Amino acid sequence: MSSFASKSIHDFAKSLISFLKATTWDLDKAANSIENGVVYSKRCDKKYAFEAYIAHRMFHEITLTSCNVRDIMKFDDPVDTVMENPHGEQALTLTVSSNDTT
């Protein structure tokens, strides 16, 4: 999971927990409804139950495709990979990555 996705999940969970506290929800019951029977070392560790639930819901039914990293790593420059196979998976990955503005 990218650090951006991880931070987004963390920030959303933090906002969700603040909202639940403000509306007087029982956070113990809410965390137990996510994963029952967990013993948390510290009270604040319940946030991980919420983060896990959010991540699960975000990535539910996403299928990840693997690519052969050896094919990419044989070149010093990723552009060489695209030059060898301009319609391959690596070309699409490179194009998407270079167009990513985040």
N, C-alpha and C. Protein backbone atom coordinates (compact mmCIF):
# COMPACT_ATOMS: atom_id res chain seq x y z
N MET A 1 0.87 -1.17 0.00
CA MET A 1 0.00 0.00 0.00
C MET A 1 0.91 1.22 0.00
N SER A 2 0.56 2.20 -0.81
CA SER A 2 1.39 3.39 -0.89
C SER A 2 1.29 4.21 0.39
N SER A 3 2.30 5.05 0.61
CA SER A 3 2.27 5.88 1.82
C SER A 3 1.13 6.89 1.75
N PHE A 4 0.77 7.31 0.53
CA PHE A 4 -0.36 8.24 0.37
C PHE A 4 -1.66 7.57 0.82
N ALA A 5 -1.88 6.34 0.39
CA ALA A 5 -3.09 5.62 0.78
C ALA A 5 -3.10 5.38 2.28
N SER A 6 -1.96 5.01 2.83
CA SER A 6 -1.87 4.75 4.26
C SER A 6 -2.17 6.01 5.07
N LYS A 7 -1.61 7.15 4.65
CA LYS A 7 -1.87 8.40 5.35
C LYS A 7 -3.33 8.80 5.20
N SER A 8 -3.90 8.59 4.03
CA SER A 8 -5.31 8.92 3.81
C SER A 8 -6.22 8.10 4.71
N ILE A 9 -5.91 6.81 4.83
CA ILE A 9 -6.69 5.93 5.71
C ILE A 9 -6.56 6.39 7.16
N HIS A 10 -5.33 6.69 7.56
CA HIS A 10 -5.08 7.15 8.93
C HIS A 10 -5.86 8.44 9.22
N ASP A 11 -5.78 9.40 8.29
CA ASP A 11 -6.46 10.68 8.49
C ASP A 11 -7.98 10.51 8.53
N PHE A 12 -8.50 9.65 7.65
CA PHE A 12 -9.94 9.43 7.63
C PHE A 12 -10.40 8.75 8.92
N ALA A 13 -9.62 7.76 9.37
CA ALA A 13 -9.97 7.06 10.62
C ALA A 13 -9.95 8.03 11.80
N LYS A 14 -8.97 8.91 11.81
CA LYS A 14 -8.88 9.89 12.89
C LYS A 14 -10.12 10.79 12.91
N SER A 15 -10.54 11.24 11.73
CA SER A 15 -11.75 12.07 11.63
C SER A 15 -12.99 11.28 12.04
N LEU A 16 -13.07 10.03 11.59
CA LEU A 16 -14.21 9.18 11.93
C LEU A 16 -14.29 8.96 13.44
N ILE A 17 -13.16 8.68 14.08
CA ILE A 17 -13.15 8.46 15.52
C ILE A 17 -13.56 9.73 16.26
N SER A 18 -13.08 10.88 15.80
CA SER A 18 -13.48 12.16 16.41
C SER A 18 -14.98 12.38 16.29
N PHE A 19 -15.51 12.05 15.12
CA PHE A 19 -16.96 12.18 14.91
C PHE A 19 -17.73 11.24 15.84
N LEU A 20 -17.27 10.00 15.94
CA LEU A 20 -17.94 9.03 16.81
C LEU A 20 -17.90 9.47 18.27
N LYS A 21 -16.76 10.01 18.69
CA LYS A 21 -16.66 10.51 20.06
C LYS A 21 -17.63 11.67 20.30
N ALA A 22 -17.71 12.57 19.31
CA ALA A 22 -18.58 13.74 19.44
C ALA A 22 -20.05 13.36 19.51
N THR A 23 -20.40 12.25 18.88
CA THR A 23 -21.79 11.80 18.89
C THR A 23 -22.04 10.75 19.96
N THR A 24 -21.14 10.66 20.89
CA THR A 24 -21.20 9.78 22.07
C THR A 24 -21.36 8.29 21.74
N TRP A 25 -20.75 7.85 20.65
CA TRP A 25 -20.73 6.42 20.35
C TRP A 25 -19.81 5.73 21.34
N ASP A 26 -20.09 4.48 21.62
CA ASP A 26 -19.22 3.66 22.45
C ASP A 26 -18.13 3.09 21.53
N LEU A 27 -16.91 3.65 21.62
CA LEU A 27 -15.82 3.22 20.74
C LEU A 27 -15.41 1.77 20.99
N ASP A 28 -15.57 1.31 22.24
CA ASP A 28 -15.25 -0.09 22.54
C ASP A 28 -16.16 -1.02 21.76
N LYS A 29 -17.45 -0.73 21.78
CA LYS A 29 -18.41 -1.57 21.04
C LYS A 29 -18.17 -1.46 19.54
N ALA A 30 -17.87 -0.25 19.06
CA ALA A 30 -17.63 -0.07 17.63
C ALA A 30 -16.40 -0.86 17.18
N ALA A 31 -15.31 -0.78 17.95
CA ALA A 31 -14.09 -1.52 17.60
C ALA A 31 -14.34 -3.03 17.69
N ASN A 32 -15.09 -3.47 18.70
CA ASN A 32 -15.39 -4.90 18.84
C ASN A 32 -16.30 -5.39 17.71
N SER A 33 -17.12 -4.51 17.15
CA SER A 33 -17.97 -4.94 16.04
C SER A 33 -17.13 -5.16 14.78
N ILE A 34 -15.97 -4.51 14.71
CA ILE A 34 -15.07 -4.71 13.58
C ILE A 34 -14.31 -6.02 13.75
N GLU A 35 -13.73 -6.21 14.91
CA GLU A 35 -12.98 -7.43 15.21
C GLU A 35 -13.19 -7.76 16.68
N ASN A 36 -14.03 -8.73 16.92
CA ASN A 36 -14.40 -9.09 18.29
C ASN A 36 -13.28 -9.89 18.96
N GLY A 37 -13.10 -9.65 20.25
CA GLY A 37 -12.17 -10.45 21.03
C GLY A 37 -10.74 -9.96 21.04
N VAL A 38 -10.46 -8.84 20.43
CA VAL A 38 -9.10 -8.30 20.42
C VAL A 38 -8.84 -7.59 21.74
N VAL A 39 -7.67 -7.84 22.31
CA VAL A 39 -7.26 -7.14 23.52
C VAL A 39 -6.22 -6.11 23.10
N TYR A 40 -6.52 -4.85 23.30
CA TYR A 40 -5.63 -3.77 22.90
C TYR A 40 -4.70 -3.42 24.04
N SER A 41 -3.43 -3.23 23.75
CA SER A 41 -2.45 -2.86 24.77
C SER A 41 -2.79 -1.52 25.40
N LYS A 42 -3.13 -0.58 24.55
CA LYS A 42 -3.51 0.76 25.01
C LYS A 42 -4.87 1.09 24.45
N ARG A 43 -5.58 1.92 25.13
CA ARG A 43 -6.92 2.32 24.67
C ARG A 43 -6.86 2.94 23.26
N CYS A 44 -5.82 3.73 23.01
CA CYS A 44 -5.73 4.40 21.70
C CYS A 44 -5.42 3.43 20.55
N ASP A 45 -5.05 2.18 20.85
CA ASP A 45 -4.77 1.20 19.80
C ASP A 45 -6.01 0.76 19.04
N LYS A 46 -7.18 1.11 19.56
CA LYS A 46 -8.43 0.77 18.87
C LYS A 46 -8.50 1.43 17.49
N LYS A 47 -7.73 2.50 17.31
CA LYS A 47 -7.72 3.18 16.02
C LYS A 47 -7.30 2.23 14.90
N TYR A 48 -6.47 1.23 15.23
CA TYR A 48 -6.02 0.29 14.22
C TYR A 48 -7.16 -0.58 13.70
N ALA A 49 -8.14 -0.85 14.53
CA ALA A 49 -9.31 -1.60 14.07
C ALA A 49 -10.06 -0.79 13.02
N PHE A 50 -10.22 0.50 13.29
CA PHE A 50 -10.91 1.36 12.33
C PHE A 50 -10.11 1.51 11.04
N GLU A 51 -8.79 1.68 11.17
CA GLU A 51 -7.94 1.80 9.98
C GLU A 51 -7.99 0.52 9.14
N ALA A 52 -7.95 -0.62 9.80
CA ALA A 52 -8.01 -1.90 9.07
C ALA A 52 -9.35 -2.05 8.36
N TYR A 53 -10.41 -1.66 9.03
CA TYR A 53 -11.74 -1.76 8.41
C TYR A 53 -11.83 -0.85 7.19
N ILE A 54 -11.34 0.37 7.31
CA ILE A 54 -11.38 1.32 6.18
C ILE A 54 -10.55 0.79 5.02
N ALA A 55 -9.35 0.28 5.31
CA ALA A 55 -8.49 -0.26 4.25
C ALA A 55 -9.17 -1.46 3.57
N HIS A 56 -9.77 -2.32 4.37
CA HIS A 56 -10.47 -3.48 3.81
C HIS A 56 -11.59 -3.04 2.87
N ARG A 57 -12.36 -2.07 3.29
CA ARG A 57 -13.47 -1.59 2.46
C ARG A 57 -12.97 -0.88 1.20
N MET A 58 -11.87 -0.14 1.33
CA MET A 58 -11.33 0.58 0.17
C MET A 58 -10.82 -0.39 -0.90
N PHE A 59 -10.12 -1.42 -0.45
CA PHE A 59 -9.45 -2.31 -1.40
C PHE A 59 -10.21 -3.61 -1.65
N HIS A 60 -11.44 -3.69 -1.16
CA HIS A 60 -12.27 -4.87 -1.37
C HIS A 60 -12.53 -5.06 -2.86
N GLU A 61 -12.32 -6.25 -3.35
CA GLU A 61 -12.55 -6.64 -4.73
C GLU A 61 -11.62 -5.99 -5.75
N ILE A 62 -10.54 -5.38 -5.30
CA ILE A 62 -9.54 -4.88 -6.25
C ILE A 62 -8.63 -6.05 -6.60
N THR A 63 -8.45 -6.26 -7.87
CA THR A 63 -7.54 -7.32 -8.29
C THR A 63 -6.22 -6.69 -8.71
N LEU A 64 -5.17 -7.19 -8.14
CA LEU A 64 -3.84 -6.68 -8.46
C LEU A 64 -3.19 -7.62 -9.45
N THR A 65 -2.53 -7.03 -10.43
CA THR A 65 -1.81 -7.85 -11.39
C THR A 65 -0.32 -7.71 -11.11
N SER A 66 0.36 -8.80 -11.22
CA SER A 66 1.81 -8.76 -10.99
C SER A 66 2.51 -8.61 -12.34
N CYS A 67 3.70 -8.10 -12.29
CA CYS A 67 4.49 -8.01 -13.52
C CYS A 67 5.85 -8.61 -13.24
N ASN A 68 6.52 -9.00 -14.26
CA ASN A 68 7.82 -9.63 -14.13
C ASN A 68 8.86 -8.54 -13.92
N VAL A 69 9.31 -8.38 -12.69
CA VAL A 69 10.26 -7.33 -12.35
C VAL A 69 11.61 -7.57 -13.01
N ARG A 70 11.97 -8.82 -13.25
CA ARG A 70 13.26 -9.11 -13.90
C ARG A 70 13.35 -8.45 -15.26
N ASP A 71 12.23 -8.42 -16.00
CA ASP A 71 12.25 -7.76 -17.31
C ASP A 71 12.53 -6.28 -17.19
N ILE A 72 12.01 -5.66 -16.16
CA ILE A 72 12.22 -4.23 -15.96
C ILE A 72 13.64 -3.96 -15.46
N MET A 73 14.12 -4.77 -14.54
CA MET A 73 15.40 -4.54 -13.89
C MET A 73 16.60 -4.79 -14.80
N LYS A 74 16.42 -5.40 -15.94
CA LYS A 74 17.57 -5.65 -16.81
C LYS A 74 18.02 -4.38 -17.52
N PHE A 75 17.22 -3.31 -17.43
CA PHE A 75 17.58 -2.03 -18.03
C PHE A 75 17.99 -1.03 -16.95
N ASP A 76 18.94 -0.17 -17.28
CA ASP A 76 19.33 0.89 -16.35
C ASP A 76 18.30 2.00 -16.33
N ASP A 77 17.65 2.20 -17.44
CA ASP A 77 16.69 3.29 -17.58
C ASP A 77 15.32 2.71 -17.92
N PRO A 78 14.27 3.06 -17.17
CA PRO A 78 12.93 2.52 -17.45
C PRO A 78 12.44 2.84 -18.86
N VAL A 79 12.92 3.92 -19.43
CA VAL A 79 12.50 4.28 -20.79
C VAL A 79 12.98 3.22 -21.77
N ASP A 80 14.15 2.60 -21.51
CA ASP A 80 14.64 1.52 -22.37
C ASP A 80 13.65 0.35 -22.40
N THR A 81 13.00 0.09 -21.28
CA THR A 81 12.00 -0.97 -21.21
C THR A 81 10.85 -0.67 -22.15
N VAL A 82 10.40 0.58 -22.15
CA VAL A 82 9.30 0.99 -23.02
C VAL A 82 9.73 0.92 -24.48
N MET A 83 10.96 1.31 -24.76
CA MET A 83 11.45 1.27 -26.14
C MET A 83 11.46 -0.16 -26.68
N GLU A 84 11.78 -1.13 -25.81
CA GLU A 84 11.83 -2.52 -26.25
C GLU A 84 10.43 -3.07 -26.50
N ASN A 85 9.47 -2.69 -25.67
CA ASN A 85 8.11 -3.20 -25.80
C ASN A 85 7.13 -2.06 -25.51
N PRO A 86 6.86 -1.20 -26.49
CA PRO A 86 6.04 -0.01 -26.24
C PRO A 86 4.58 -0.29 -25.89
N HIS A 87 4.11 -1.51 -26.12
CA HIS A 87 2.72 -1.83 -25.81
C HIS A 87 2.60 -2.76 -24.61
N GLY A 88 3.69 -2.97 -23.91
CA GLY A 88 3.70 -3.88 -22.77
C GLY A 88 3.17 -3.23 -21.51
N GLU A 89 3.04 -4.07 -20.48
CA GLU A 89 2.53 -3.63 -19.19
C GLU A 89 3.42 -2.56 -18.56
N GLN A 90 4.73 -2.69 -18.72
CA GLN A 90 5.66 -1.73 -18.14
C GLN A 90 5.49 -0.36 -18.79
N ALA A 91 5.18 -0.32 -20.08
CA ALA A 91 4.97 0.95 -20.76
C ALA A 91 3.76 1.66 -20.17
N LEU A 92 2.71 0.92 -19.92
CA LEU A 92 1.52 1.50 -19.31
C LEU A 92 1.83 2.00 -17.91
N THR A 93 2.57 1.20 -17.13
CA THR A 93 2.93 1.59 -15.77
C THR A 93 3.77 2.86 -15.77
N LEU A 94 4.74 2.92 -16.65
CA LEU A 94 5.60 4.10 -16.74
C LEU A 94 4.79 5.32 -17.14
N THR A 95 3.88 5.16 -18.09
CA THR A 95 3.05 6.28 -18.53
C THR A 95 2.15 6.77 -17.42
N VAL A 96 1.51 5.86 -16.70
CA VAL A 96 0.63 6.24 -15.60
C VAL A 96 1.43 6.91 -14.50
N SER A 97 2.60 6.37 -14.16
CA SER A 97 3.43 6.93 -13.10
C SER A 97 3.91 8.34 -13.45
N SER A 98 4.31 8.54 -14.69
CA SER A 98 4.83 9.86 -15.06
C SER A 98 3.73 10.89 -15.19
N ASN A 99 2.48 10.45 -15.40
CA ASN A 99 1.35 11.38 -15.47
C ASN A 99 0.71 11.64 -14.12
N ASP A 100 1.15 10.92 -13.11
CA ASP A 100 0.59 11.06 -11.76
C ASP A 100 1.05 12.39 -11.17
N THR A 101 0.10 13.24 -10.80
CA THR A 101 0.44 14.56 -10.29
C THR A 101 0.38 14.65 -8.80
N THR A 102 0.16 13.54 -8.10
CA THR A 102 0.05 13.60 -6.64
C THR A 102 1.40 13.53 -6.00
